[in-house]
All heavy atoms as atom14 arrays in JSON, in Angstrom:
{
  "sequence": "QGEEGKTQLQAMLGNLDIVNTLQEVDTTIGTADECSMKIEDW",
  "atom14_mask": [
    [1, 1, 1, 1, 1, 1, 1, 1, 1, 0, 0, 0, 0, 0],
    [1, 1, 1, 1, 0, 0, 0, 0, 0, 0, 0, 0, 0, 0],
    [1, 1, 1, 1, 1, 1, 1, 1, 1, 0, 0, 0, 0, 0],
    [1, 1, 1, 1, 1, 1, 1, 1, 1, 0, 0, 0, 0, 0],
    [1, 1, 1, 1, 0, 0, 0, 0, 0, 0, 0, 0, 0, 0],
    [1, 1, 1, 1, 1, 1, 1, 1, 1, 0, 0, 0, 0, 0],
    [1, 1, 1, 1, 1, 1, 1, 0, 0, 0, 0, 0, 0, 0],
    [1, 1, 1, 1, 1, 1, 1, 1, 1, 0, 0, 0, 0, 0],
    [1, 1, 1, 1, 1, 1, 1, 1, 0, 0, 0, 0, 0, 0],
    [1, 1, 1, 1, 1, 1, 1, 1, 1, 0, 0, 0, 0, 0],
    [1, 1, 1, 1, 1, 0, 0, 0, 0, 0, 0, 0, 0, 0],
    [1, 1, 1, 1, 1, 1, 1, 1, 0, 0, 0, 0, 0, 0],
    [1, 1, 1, 1, 1, 1, 1, 1, 0, 0, 0, 0, 0, 0],
    [1, 1, 1, 1, 0, 0, 0, 0, 0, 0, 0, 0, 0, 0],
    [1, 1, 1, 1, 1, 1, 1, 1, 0, 0, 0, 0, 0, 0],
    [1, 1, 1, 1, 1, 1, 1, 1, 0, 0, 0, 0, 0, 0],
    [1, 1, 1, 1, 1, 1, 1, 1, 0, 0, 0, 0, 0, 0],
    [1, 1, 1, 1, 1, 1, 1, 1, 0, 0, 0, 0, 0, 0],
    [1, 1, 1, 1, 1, 1, 1, 0, 0, 0, 0, 0, 0, 0],
    [1, 1, 1, 1, 1, 1, 1, 1, 0, 0, 0, 0, 0, 0],
    [1, 1, 1, 1, 1, 1, 1, 0, 0, 0, 0, 0, 0, 0],
    [1, 1, 1, 1, 1, 1, 1, 1, 0, 0, 0, 0, 0, 0],
    [1, 1, 1, 1, 1, 1, 1, 1, 1, 0, 0, 0, 0, 0],
    [1, 1, 1, 1, 1, 1, 1, 1, 1, 0, 0, 0, 0, 0],
    [1, 1, 1, 1, 1, 1, 1, 0, 0, 0, 0, 0, 0, 0],
    [1, 1, 1, 1, 1, 1, 1, 1, 0, 0, 0, 0, 0, 0],
    [1, 1, 1, 1, 1, 1, 1, 0, 0, 0, 0, 0, 0, 0],
    [1, 1, 1, 1, 1, 1, 1, 0, 0, 0, 0, 0, 0, 0],
    [1, 1, 1, 1, 1, 1, 1, 1, 0, 0, 0, 0, 0, 0],
    [1, 1, 1, 1, 0, 0, 0, 0, 0, 0, 0, 0, 0, 0],
    [1, 1, 1, 1, 1, 1, 1, 0, 0, 0, 0, 0, 0, 0],
    [1, 1, 1, 1, 1, 0, 0, 0, 0, 0, 0, 0, 0, 0],
    [1, 1, 1, 1, 1, 1, 1, 1, 0, 0, 0, 0, 0, 0],
    [1, 1, 1, 1, 1, 1, 1, 1, 1, 0, 0, 0, 0, 0],
    [1, 1, 1, 1, 1, 1, 0, 0, 0, 0, 0, 0, 0, 0],
    [1, 1, 1, 1, 1, 1, 0, 0, 0, 0, 0, 0, 0, 0],
    [1, 1, 1, 1, 1, 1, 1, 1, 0, 0, 0, 0, 0, 0],
    [1, 1, 1, 1, 1, 1, 1, 1, 1, 0, 0, 0, 0, 0],
    [1, 1, 1, 1, 1, 1, 1, 1, 0, 0, 0, 0, 0, 0],
    [1, 1, 1, 1, 1, 1, 1, 1, 1, 0, 0, 0, 0, 0],
    [1, 1, 1, 1, 1, 1, 1, 1, 0, 0, 0, 0, 0, 0],
    [1, 1, 1, 1, 1, 1, 1, 1, 1, 1, 1, 1, 1, 1]
  ],
  "atom14_positions": [
    [[-175.28, 143.63, 4.56], [-176.64, 143.49, 4.04], [-176.68, 143.71, 2.52], [-177.37, 142.98, 1.79], [-177.57, 144.49, 4.73], [-177.77, 144.26, 6.21], [-178.65, 145.3, 6.84], [-179.46, 145.95, 6.17], [-178.51, 145.49, 8.17], [0.0, 0.0, 0.0], [0.0, 0.0, 0.0], [0.0, 0.0, 0.0], [0.0, 0.0, 0.0], [0.0, 0.0, 0.0]],
    [[-175.95, 144.7, 2.05], [-175.94, 144.98, 0.62], [-175.32, 143.87, -0.19], [-175.8, 143.52, -1.28], [0.0, 0.0, 0.0], [0.0, 0.0, 0.0], [0.0, 0.0, 0.0], [0.0, 0.0, 0.0], [0.0, 0.0, 0.0], [0.0, 0.0, 0.0], [0.0, 0.0, 0.0], [0.0, 0.0, 0.0], [0.0, 0.0, 0.0], [0.0, 0.0, 0.0]],
    [[-174.21, 143.32, 0.33], [-173.55, 142.22, -0.39], [-174.46, 140.99, -0.45], [-174.53, 140.29, -1.48], [-172.23, 141.89, 0.28], [-171.17, 142.97, 0.11], [-169.9, 142.66, 0.88], [-169.95, 141.76, 1.74], [-168.87, 143.32, 0.62], [0.0, 0.0, 0.0], [0.0, 0.0, 0.0], [0.0, 0.0, 0.0], [0.0, 0.0, 0.0], [0.0, 0.0, 0.0]],
    [[-175.15, 140.7, 0.66], [-176.06, 139.55, 0.66], [-177.21, 139.78, -0.32], [-177.62, 138.87, -1.07], [-176.61, 139.34, 2.08], [-175.56, 138.86, 3.07], [-176.12, 138.75, 4.48], [-177.27, 139.22, 4.7], [-175.42, 138.21, 5.36], [0.0, 0.0, 0.0], [0.0, 0.0, 0.0], [0.0, 0.0, 0.0], [0.0, 0.0, 0.0], [0.0, 0.0, 0.0]],
    [[-177.77, 141.0, -0.35], [-178.86, 141.31, -1.27], [-178.42, 141.21, -2.72], [-179.15, 140.71, -3.59], [0.0, 0.0, 0.0], [0.0, 0.0, 0.0], [0.0, 0.0, 0.0], [0.0, 0.0, 0.0], [0.0, 0.0, 0.0], [0.0, 0.0, 0.0], [0.0, 0.0, 0.0], [0.0, 0.0, 0.0], [0.0, 0.0, 0.0], [0.0, 0.0, 0.0]],
    [[-177.21, 141.68, -3.01], [-176.68, 141.62, -4.36], [-176.53, 140.16, -4.81], [-176.86, 139.8, -5.96], [-175.33, 142.32, -4.42], [-174.63, 142.22, -5.76], [-173.24, 142.85, -5.69], [-172.48, 142.59, -6.98], [-171.11, 143.14, -6.93], [0.0, 0.0, 0.0], [0.0, 0.0, 0.0], [0.0, 0.0, 0.0], [0.0, 0.0, 0.0], [0.0, 0.0, 0.0]],
    [[-176.02, 139.31, -3.89], [-175.86, 137.88, -4.21], [-177.22, 137.24, -4.52], [-177.36, 136.43, -5.46], [-175.19, 137.15, -3.04], [-173.91, 137.75, -2.8], [-175.01, 135.67, -3.34], [0.0, 0.0, 0.0], [0.0, 0.0, 0.0], [0.0, 0.0, 0.0], [0.0, 0.0, 0.0], [0.0, 0.0, 0.0], [0.0, 0.0, 0.0], [0.0, 0.0, 0.0]],
    [[-178.24, 137.6, -3.74], [-179.58, 137.03, -3.98], [-180.15, 137.48, -5.32], [-180.76, 136.7, -6.05], [-180.51, 137.46, -2.84], [-180.19, 136.81, -1.5], [-181.08, 137.32, -0.37], [-181.92, 138.19, -0.59], [-180.89, 136.77, 0.83], [0.0, 0.0, 0.0], [0.0, 0.0, 0.0], [0.0, 0.0, 0.0], [0.0, 0.0, 0.0], [0.0, 0.0, 0.0]],
    [[-179.93, 138.76, -5.66], [-180.42, 139.26, -6.96], [-179.72, 138.55, -8.12], [-180.35, 138.21, -9.14], [-180.19, 140.77, -7.05], [-181.11, 141.64, -6.17], [-180.7, 143.1, -6.29], [-182.58, 141.47, -6.58], [0.0, 0.0, 0.0], [0.0, 0.0, 0.0], [0.0, 0.0, 0.0], [0.0, 0.0, 0.0], [0.0, 0.0, 0.0], [0.0, 0.0, 0.0]],
    [[-178.42, 138.31, -7.98], [-177.7, 137.59, -9.03], [-178.23, 136.16, -9.17], [-178.34, 135.63, -10.29], [-176.2, 137.58, -8.71], [-175.54, 138.95, -8.84], [-174.09, 138.95, -8.38], [-173.7, 138.11, -7.57], [-173.31, 139.89, -8.89], [0.0, 0.0, 0.0], [0.0, 0.0, 0.0], [0.0, 0.0, 0.0], [0.0, 0.0, 0.0], [0.0, 0.0, 0.0]],
    [[-178.59, 135.57, -8.04], [-179.15, 134.21, -8.09], [-180.52, 134.22, -8.77], [-180.86, 133.29, -9.54], [-179.27, 133.65, -6.67], [0.0, 0.0, 0.0], [0.0, 0.0, 0.0], [0.0, 0.0, 0.0], [0.0, 0.0, 0.0], [0.0, 0.0, 0.0], [0.0, 0.0, 0.0], [0.0, 0.0, 0.0], [0.0, 0.0, 0.0], [0.0, 0.0, 0.0]],
    [[-181.29, 135.28, -8.55], [-182.6, 135.39, -9.18], [-182.46, 135.49, -10.7], [-183.27, 134.92, -11.45], [-183.34, 136.61, -8.65], [-183.84, 136.5, -7.22], [-185.01, 135.15, -6.95], [-183.92, 133.91, -6.22], [0.0, 0.0, 0.0], [0.0, 0.0, 0.0], [0.0, 0.0, 0.0], [0.0, 0.0, 0.0], [0.0, 0.0, 0.0], [0.0, 0.0, 0.0]],
    [[-181.43, 136.23, -11.13], [-181.19, 136.31, -12.59], [-180.95, 134.92, -13.17], [-181.48, 134.57, -14.24], [-179.99, 137.23, -12.87], [-180.22, 138.74, -12.76], [-178.91, 139.48, -13.03], [-181.29, 139.2, -13.75], [0.0, 0.0, 0.0], [0.0, 0.0, 0.0], [0.0, 0.0, 0.0], [0.0, 0.0, 0.0], [0.0, 0.0, 0.0], [0.0, 0.0, 0.0]],
    [[-180.17, 134.12, -12.49], [-179.89, 132.78, -12.98], [-181.13, 131.9, -12.97], [-181.36, 131.11, -13.91], [0.0, 0.0, 0.0], [0.0, 0.0, 0.0], [0.0, 0.0, 0.0], [0.0, 0.0, 0.0], [0.0, 0.0, 0.0], [0.0, 0.0, 0.0], [0.0, 0.0, 0.0], [0.0, 0.0, 0.0], [0.0, 0.0, 0.0], [0.0, 0.0, 0.0]],
    [[-181.97, 132.04, -11.94], [-183.19, 131.23, -11.85], [-184.18, 131.6, -12.95], [-184.9, 130.74, -13.48], [-183.85, 131.41, -10.48], [-183.03, 130.8, -9.35], [-182.21, 129.91, -9.61], [-183.22, 131.27, -8.13], [0.0, 0.0, 0.0], [0.0, 0.0, 0.0], [0.0, 0.0, 0.0], [0.0, 0.0, 0.0], [0.0, 0.0, 0.0], [0.0, 0.0, 0.0]],
    [[-184.25, 132.91, -13.26], [-185.18, 133.34, -14.31], [-184.78, 132.78, -15.68], [-185.63, 132.64, -16.58], [-185.25, 134.88, -14.37], [-185.96, 135.54, -13.17], [-185.77, 137.05, -13.22], [-187.46, 135.19, -13.21], [0.0, 0.0, 0.0], [0.0, 0.0, 0.0], [0.0, 0.0, 0.0], [0.0, 0.0, 0.0], [0.0, 0.0, 0.0], [0.0, 0.0, 0.0]],
    [[-183.52, 132.46, -15.84], [-183.06, 131.92, -17.14], [-183.46, 130.45, -17.33], [-183.45, 129.95, -18.46], [-181.53, 132.06, -17.25], [-181.11, 133.5, -17.46], [-181.93, 134.29, -17.96], [-179.94, 133.84, -17.12], [0.0, 0.0, 0.0], [0.0, 0.0, 0.0], [0.0, 0.0, 0.0], [0.0, 0.0, 0.0], [0.0, 0.0, 0.0], [0.0, 0.0, 0.0]],
    [[-183.79, 129.76, -16.22], [-184.01, 128.31, -16.35], [-185.46, 127.9, -16.03], [-185.77, 126.7, -15.95], [-183.06, 127.54, -15.42], [-183.29, 127.96, -13.96], [-181.61, 127.75, -15.81], [-182.48, 127.15, -12.97], [0.0, 0.0, 0.0], [0.0, 0.0, 0.0], [0.0, 0.0, 0.0], [0.0, 0.0, 0.0], [0.0, 0.0, 0.0], [0.0, 0.0, 0.0]],
    [[-186.34, 128.89, -15.8], [-187.74, 128.51, -15.51], [-188.41, 127.94, -16.78], [-188.16, 128.42, -17.88], [-188.53, 129.73, -14.99], [-188.01, 130.16, -13.64], [-188.46, 130.89, -15.97], [0.0, 0.0, 0.0], [0.0, 0.0, 0.0], [0.0, 0.0, 0.0], [0.0, 0.0, 0.0], [0.0, 0.0, 0.0], [0.0, 0.0, 0.0], [0.0, 0.0, 0.0]],
    [[-189.28, 126.89, -16.58], [-189.93, 126.23, -17.72], [-191.45, 126.2, -17.6], [-192.16, 126.1, -18.61], [-189.42, 124.78, -17.86], [-187.94, 124.75, -18.22], [-187.52, 125.53, -19.08], [-187.18, 123.87, -17.58], [0.0, 0.0, 0.0], [0.0, 0.0, 0.0], [0.0, 0.0, 0.0], [0.0, 0.0, 0.0], [0.0, 0.0, 0.0], [0.0, 0.0, 0.0]],
    [[-191.94, 126.3, -16.38], [-193.39, 126.18, -16.2], [-193.94, 127.48, -15.61], [-193.2, 128.33, -15.11], [-193.71, 125.03, -15.24], [-193.19, 125.35, -13.94], [-193.09, 123.73, -15.72], [0.0, 0.0, 0.0], [0.0, 0.0, 0.0], [0.0, 0.0, 0.0], [0.0, 0.0, 0.0], [0.0, 0.0, 0.0], [0.0, 0.0, 0.0], [0.0, 0.0, 0.0]],
    [[-195.26, 127.61, -15.68], [-195.92, 128.79, -15.15], [-195.72, 128.91, -13.65], [-195.5, 130.0, -13.12], [-197.42, 128.72, -15.47], [-198.28, 129.89, -14.95], [-197.81, 131.21, -15.55], [-199.76, 129.65, -15.26], [0.0, 0.0, 0.0], [0.0, 0.0, 0.0], [0.0, 0.0, 0.0], [0.0, 0.0, 0.0], [0.0, 0.0, 0.0], [0.0, 0.0, 0.0]],
    [[-195.78, 127.76, -12.98], [-195.59, 127.77, -11.52], [-194.19, 128.23, -11.16], [-194.0, 129.0, -10.21], [-195.87, 126.38, -10.95], [-195.77, 126.33, -9.43], [-196.1, 124.96, -8.87], [-196.42, 124.04, -9.64], [-196.02, 124.81, -7.55], [0.0, 0.0, 0.0], [0.0, 0.0, 0.0], [0.0, 0.0, 0.0], [0.0, 0.0, 0.0], [0.0, 0.0, 0.0]],
    [[-193.19, 127.73, -11.91], [-191.81, 128.14, -11.63], [-191.62, 129.64, -11.86], [-190.94, 130.34, -11.1], [-190.84, 127.34, -12.52], [-190.74, 125.88, -12.13], [-189.82, 125.12, -13.07], [-189.46, 125.7, -14.13], [-189.45, 123.97, -12.75], [0.0, 0.0, 0.0], [0.0, 0.0, 0.0], [0.0, 0.0, 0.0], [0.0, 0.0, 0.0], [0.0, 0.0, 0.0]],
    [[-192.28, 130.13, -12.97], [-192.16, 131.57, -13.27], [-192.79, 132.38, -12.14], [-192.23, 133.37, -11.66], [-192.84, 131.89, -14.61], [-192.93, 133.4, -14.8], [-192.08, 131.26, -15.77], [0.0, 0.0, 0.0], [0.0, 0.0, 0.0], [0.0, 0.0, 0.0], [0.0, 0.0, 0.0], [0.0, 0.0, 0.0], [0.0, 0.0, 0.0], [0.0, 0.0, 0.0]],
    [[-193.98, 131.93, -11.71], [-194.69, 132.67, -10.67], [-193.9, 132.68, -9.36], [-193.75, 133.72, -8.7], [-196.06, 132.05, -10.44], [-196.88, 132.86, -9.44], [-197.13, 134.06, -9.71], [-197.24, 132.3, -8.38], [0.0, 0.0, 0.0], [0.0, 0.0, 0.0], [0.0, 0.0, 0.0], [0.0, 0.0, 0.0], [0.0, 0.0, 0.0], [0.0, 0.0, 0.0]],
    [[-193.36, 131.53, -8.99], [-192.59, 131.43, -7.73], [-191.31, 132.25, -7.79], [-190.96, 132.98, -6.85], [-192.25, 129.96, -7.44], [-193.47, 129.2, -7.35], [-191.47, 129.83, -6.15], [0.0, 0.0, 0.0], [0.0, 0.0, 0.0], [0.0, 0.0, 0.0], [0.0, 0.0, 0.0], [0.0, 0.0, 0.0], [0.0, 0.0, 0.0], [0.0, 0.0, 0.0]],
    [[-190.61, 132.13, -8.92], [-189.33, 132.84, -9.04], [-189.54, 134.35, -9.05], [-188.78, 135.11, -8.42], [-188.61, 132.4, -10.33], [-188.42, 130.98, -10.32], [-187.25, 133.08, -10.43], [0.0, 0.0, 0.0], [0.0, 0.0, 0.0], [0.0, 0.0, 0.0], [0.0, 0.0, 0.0], [0.0, 0.0, 0.0], [0.0, 0.0, 0.0], [0.0, 0.0, 0.0]],
    [[-190.56, 134.81, -9.79], [-190.83, 136.25, -9.84], [-191.23, 136.78, -8.46], [-190.82, 137.86, -8.05], [-191.92, 136.56, -10.88], [-191.38, 136.34, -12.3], [-192.42, 137.99, -10.73], [-192.4, 136.56, -13.4], [0.0, 0.0, 0.0], [0.0, 0.0, 0.0], [0.0, 0.0, 0.0], [0.0, 0.0, 0.0], [0.0, 0.0, 0.0], [0.0, 0.0, 0.0]],
    [[-192.01, 135.99, -7.72], [-192.39, 136.41, -6.36], [-191.18, 136.56, -5.45], [-191.06, 137.54, -4.69], [0.0, 0.0, 0.0], [0.0, 0.0, 0.0], [0.0, 0.0, 0.0], [0.0, 0.0, 0.0], [0.0, 0.0, 0.0], [0.0, 0.0, 0.0], [0.0, 0.0, 0.0], [0.0, 0.0, 0.0], [0.0, 0.0, 0.0], [0.0, 0.0, 0.0]],
    [[-190.28, 135.57, -5.54], [-189.06, 135.65, -4.72], [-188.19, 136.83, -5.14], [-187.6, 137.53, -4.31], [-188.26, 134.35, -4.85], [-189.1, 133.23, -4.48], [-187.04, 134.36, -3.96], [0.0, 0.0, 0.0], [0.0, 0.0, 0.0], [0.0, 0.0, 0.0], [0.0, 0.0, 0.0], [0.0, 0.0, 0.0], [0.0, 0.0, 0.0], [0.0, 0.0, 0.0]],
    [[-188.12, 137.06, -6.46], [-187.31, 138.17, -6.96], [-187.87, 139.51, -6.51], [-187.13, 140.45, -6.19], [-187.24, 138.11, -8.49], [0.0, 0.0, 0.0], [0.0, 0.0, 0.0], [0.0, 0.0, 0.0], [0.0, 0.0, 0.0], [0.0, 0.0, 0.0], [0.0, 0.0, 0.0], [0.0, 0.0, 0.0], [0.0, 0.0, 0.0], [0.0, 0.0, 0.0]],
    [[-189.21, 139.61, -6.47], [-189.83, 140.86, -5.99], [-189.48, 141.13, -4.53], [-189.21, 142.28, -4.14], [-191.34, 140.78, -6.16], [-191.78, 140.91, -7.62], [-190.96, 141.41, -8.42], [-192.92, 140.51, -7.94], [0.0, 0.0, 0.0], [0.0, 0.0, 0.0], [0.0, 0.0, 0.0], [0.0, 0.0, 0.0], [0.0, 0.0, 0.0], [0.0, 0.0, 0.0]],
    [[-189.47, 140.07, -3.72], [-189.12, 140.26, -2.3], [-187.66, 140.73, -2.16], [-187.37, 141.63, -1.36], [-189.3, 138.94, -1.55], [-190.75, 138.51, -1.41], [-190.89, 137.2, -0.67], [-189.84, 136.66, -0.23], [-192.02, 136.7, -0.52], [0.0, 0.0, 0.0], [0.0, 0.0, 0.0], [0.0, 0.0, 0.0], [0.0, 0.0, 0.0], [0.0, 0.0, 0.0]],
    [[-186.77, 140.11, -2.95], [-185.36, 140.51, -2.9], [-185.21, 141.96, -3.37], [-184.44, 142.73, -2.8], [-184.52, 139.58, -3.76], [-184.36, 137.91, -3.11], [0.0, 0.0, 0.0], [0.0, 0.0, 0.0], [0.0, 0.0, 0.0], [0.0, 0.0, 0.0], [0.0, 0.0, 0.0], [0.0, 0.0, 0.0], [0.0, 0.0, 0.0], [0.0, 0.0, 0.0]],
    [[-185.94, 142.32, -4.4], [-185.84, 143.69, -4.94], [-186.33, 144.7, -3.91], [-185.73, 145.78, -3.75], [-186.67, 143.8, -6.22], [-186.17, 142.94, -7.22], [0.0, 0.0, 0.0], [0.0, 0.0, 0.0], [0.0, 0.0, 0.0], [0.0, 0.0, 0.0], [0.0, 0.0, 0.0], [0.0, 0.0, 0.0], [0.0, 0.0, 0.0], [0.0, 0.0, 0.0]],
    [[-187.42, 144.37, -3.2], [-187.94, 145.29, -2.19], [-186.93, 145.47, -1.05], [-186.73, 146.59, -0.54], [-189.26, 144.76, -1.63], [-190.43, 144.82, -2.63], [-191.96, 144.12, -1.95], [-192.24, 145.24, -0.59], [0.0, 0.0, 0.0], [0.0, 0.0, 0.0], [0.0, 0.0, 0.0], [0.0, 0.0, 0.0], [0.0, 0.0, 0.0], [0.0, 0.0, 0.0]],
    [[-186.28, 144.37, -0.66], [-185.27, 144.48, 0.4], [-184.11, 145.37, -0.04], [-183.62, 146.19, 0.73], [-184.74, 143.09, 0.76], [-185.75, 142.23, 1.51], [-185.13, 140.88, 1.88], [-186.14, 140.02, 2.63], [-185.56, 138.69, 2.98], [0.0, 0.0, 0.0], [0.0, 0.0, 0.0], [0.0, 0.0, 0.0], [0.0, 0.0, 0.0], [0.0, 0.0, 0.0]],
    [[-183.68, 145.2, -1.29], [-182.56, 146.0, -1.78], [-182.97, 147.47, -1.91], [-182.18, 148.38, -1.59], [-182.05, 145.46, -3.14], [-181.34, 144.12, -2.93], [-181.09, 146.44, -3.79], [-180.12, 144.2, -2.03], [0.0, 0.0, 0.0], [0.0, 0.0, 0.0], [0.0, 0.0, 0.0], [0.0, 0.0, 0.0], [0.0, 0.0, 0.0], [0.0, 0.0, 0.0]],
    [[-184.18, 147.72, -2.36], [-184.65, 149.11, -2.47], [-184.72, 149.76, -1.08], [-184.35, 150.94, -0.91], [-186.02, 149.15, -3.15], [-185.95, 148.84, -4.65], [-187.33, 148.75, -5.28], [-188.33, 148.87, -4.51], [-187.41, 148.58, -6.5], [0.0, 0.0, 0.0], [0.0, 0.0, 0.0], [0.0, 0.0, 0.0], [0.0, 0.0, 0.0], [0.0, 0.0, 0.0]],
    [[-185.18, 148.97, -0.1], [-185.22, 149.48, 1.26], [-183.79, 149.74, 1.78], [-183.53, 150.74, 2.46], [-185.92, 148.47, 2.17], [-186.03, 148.96, 3.6], [-186.67, 150.0, 3.83], [-185.47, 148.29, 4.49], [0.0, 0.0, 0.0], [0.0, 0.0, 0.0], [0.0, 0.0, 0.0], [0.0, 0.0, 0.0], [0.0, 0.0, 0.0], [0.0, 0.0, 0.0]],
    [[-182.87, 148.86, 1.45], [-181.47, 149.02, 1.84], [-180.87, 150.27, 1.21], [-180.16, 151.04, 1.88], [-180.69, 147.77, 1.43], [-179.22, 147.85, 1.66], [-178.56, 147.62, 2.83], [-178.22, 148.18, 0.69], [-177.21, 147.79, 2.66], [-176.96, 148.12, 1.34], [-178.25, 148.48, -0.67], [-175.76, 148.38, 0.69], [-177.06, 148.73, -1.33], [-175.83, 148.69, -0.66]]
  ]
}
């Protein structure tokens, strides 16, 4: 579970570097928050 969560967080970092629109920022940040909550729970 930890390795999968770490991989998702690393992917979120990459996605945050390439967002261009407000919608992309909003969607990516929302997904990143969910991943962060899972890792904090883990």
